[in-house]
Amino acid sequence: MMVLLAAVVLSACGDEQKTDNEKAGTTDSGVIDKAQEGMNEVIDTLQSKGDKLADTLKKKVVEPVKADVKKAGEKLKEAVNDVKEKAAQ
């Protein structure tokens, strides 16, 4: 009887010492590899979407703003030249 009681106590203590991962059975390297593969897929997807977003912003925001700034600069130069001509007269 004492042997059985000691076995129960030892097995109960052994379960408490296990980590949550060990209890869930996730210490398998296969599970860890699957998790890493999943994270790599998520990272690849985010990078791809980030590149698409950057391309869209460049085409729809940056390039039009550059064109507008260039046009405004040309108009400003024309205005400055007109003022210079009028001042010279």
Protein backbone atom coordinates (compact mmCIF):
# COMPACT_ATOMS: atom_id res chain seq x y z
CA MET A 1 0.00 0.00 0.00
CA MET A 2 2.80 2.40 0.85
CA VAL A 3 4.46 1.64 -2.49
CA LEU A 4 1.29 2.52 -4.39
CA LEU A 5 0.86 5.73 -2.40
CA ALA A 6 4.46 6.71 -3.09
CA ALA A 7 3.99 5.98 -6.81
CA VAL A 8 0.88 8.20 -6.92
CA VAL A 9 2.65 11.04 -5.13
CA LEU A 10 5.68 10.80 -7.41
CA SER A 11 3.61 10.74 -10.58
CA ALA A 12 1.56 13.73 -9.38
CA CYS A 13 4.74 15.67 -8.65
CA GLY A 14 6.14 14.70 -12.03
CA ASP A 15 3.08 16.18 -13.80
CA GLU A 16 3.45 19.47 -11.95
CA GLN A 17 7.03 19.80 -13.09
CA LYS A 18 6.12 19.50 -16.76
CA THR A 19 5.77 22.70 -18.68
CA ASP A 20 2.58 23.65 -20.48
CA ASN A 21 4.23 22.76 -23.80
CA GLU A 22 5.16 19.32 -22.54
CA LYS A 23 1.62 18.71 -21.28
CA ALA A 24 0.20 19.78 -24.62
CA GLY A 25 2.69 17.61 -26.47
CA THR A 26 4.11 20.53 -28.44
CA THR A 27 7.73 19.80 -27.72
CA ASP A 28 7.79 17.81 -30.94
CA SER A 29 10.18 19.31 -33.43
CA GLY A 30 7.52 18.71 -36.10
CA VAL A 31 5.12 21.07 -34.36
CA ILE A 32 7.81 23.69 -33.97
CA ASP A 33 8.78 23.34 -37.64
CA LYS A 34 5.13 23.76 -38.70
CA ALA A 35 4.85 26.88 -36.56
CA GLN A 36 8.02 28.31 -38.10
CA GLU A 37 6.76 27.53 -41.60
CA GLY A 38 3.50 29.28 -40.79
CA MET A 39 5.33 32.35 -39.52
CA ASN A 40 7.52 32.40 -42.64
CA GLU A 41 4.41 32.31 -44.84
CA VAL A 42 2.88 35.19 -42.88
CA ILE A 43 6.09 37.22 -43.20
CA ASP A 44 6.30 36.53 -46.95
CA THR A 45 2.68 37.57 -47.43
CA LEU A 46 3.18 40.79 -45.47
CA GLN A 47 6.32 41.65 -47.44
CA SER A 48 4.51 41.03 -50.71
CA LYS A 49 1.57 43.20 -49.68
CA GLY A 50 3.99 45.86 -48.45
CA ASP A 51 5.71 45.94 -51.83
CA LYS A 52 2.35 46.25 -53.59
CA LEU A 53 1.34 49.07 -51.25
CA ALA A 54 4.61 50.89 -51.87
CA ASP A 55 4.18 50.56 -55.65
CA THR A 56 0.60 51.85 -55.44
CA LEU A 57 1.60 54.82 -53.29
CA LYS A 58 4.44 55.64 -55.67
CA LYS A 59 2.20 55.54 -58.74
CA LYS A 60 -0.85 57.26 -57.27
CA VAL A 61 0.68 59.72 -54.80
CA VAL A 62 4.39 60.37 -55.20
CA GLU A 63 4.60 60.61 -59.00
CA PRO A 64 1.54 62.91 -59.36
CA VAL A 65 2.85 65.16 -56.59
CA LYS A 66 6.25 65.32 -58.29
CA ALA A 67 4.58 66.31 -61.56
CA ASP A 68 2.50 68.99 -59.82
CA VAL A 69 5.55 70.39 -58.04
CA LYS A 70 7.47 70.49 -61.32
CA LYS A 71 4.59 72.37 -63.03
CA ALA A 72 4.35 74.78 -60.11
CA GLY A 73 8.11 75.38 -60.27
CA GLU A 74 7.90 76.15 -63.99
CA LYS A 75 5.02 78.59 -63.42
CA LEU A 76 6.97 80.24 -60.62
CA LYS A 77 10.00 80.65 -62.89
CA GLU A 78 7.77 82.23 -65.55
CA ALA A 79 6.30 84.61 -62.98
CA VAL A 80 9.77 85.57 -61.75
CA ASN A 81 10.92 86.20 -65.31
CA ASP A 82 7.82 88.36 -65.95
CA VAL A 83 8.56 90.40 -62.84
CA LYS A 84 12.20 90.80 -63.90
CA GLU A 85 11.14 91.97 -67.36
CA LYS A 86 8.67 94.48 -65.92
CA ALA A 87 11.25 95.74 -63.43
CA ALA A 88 13.80 96.16 -66.23
CA GLN A 89 11.45 98.36 -68.25
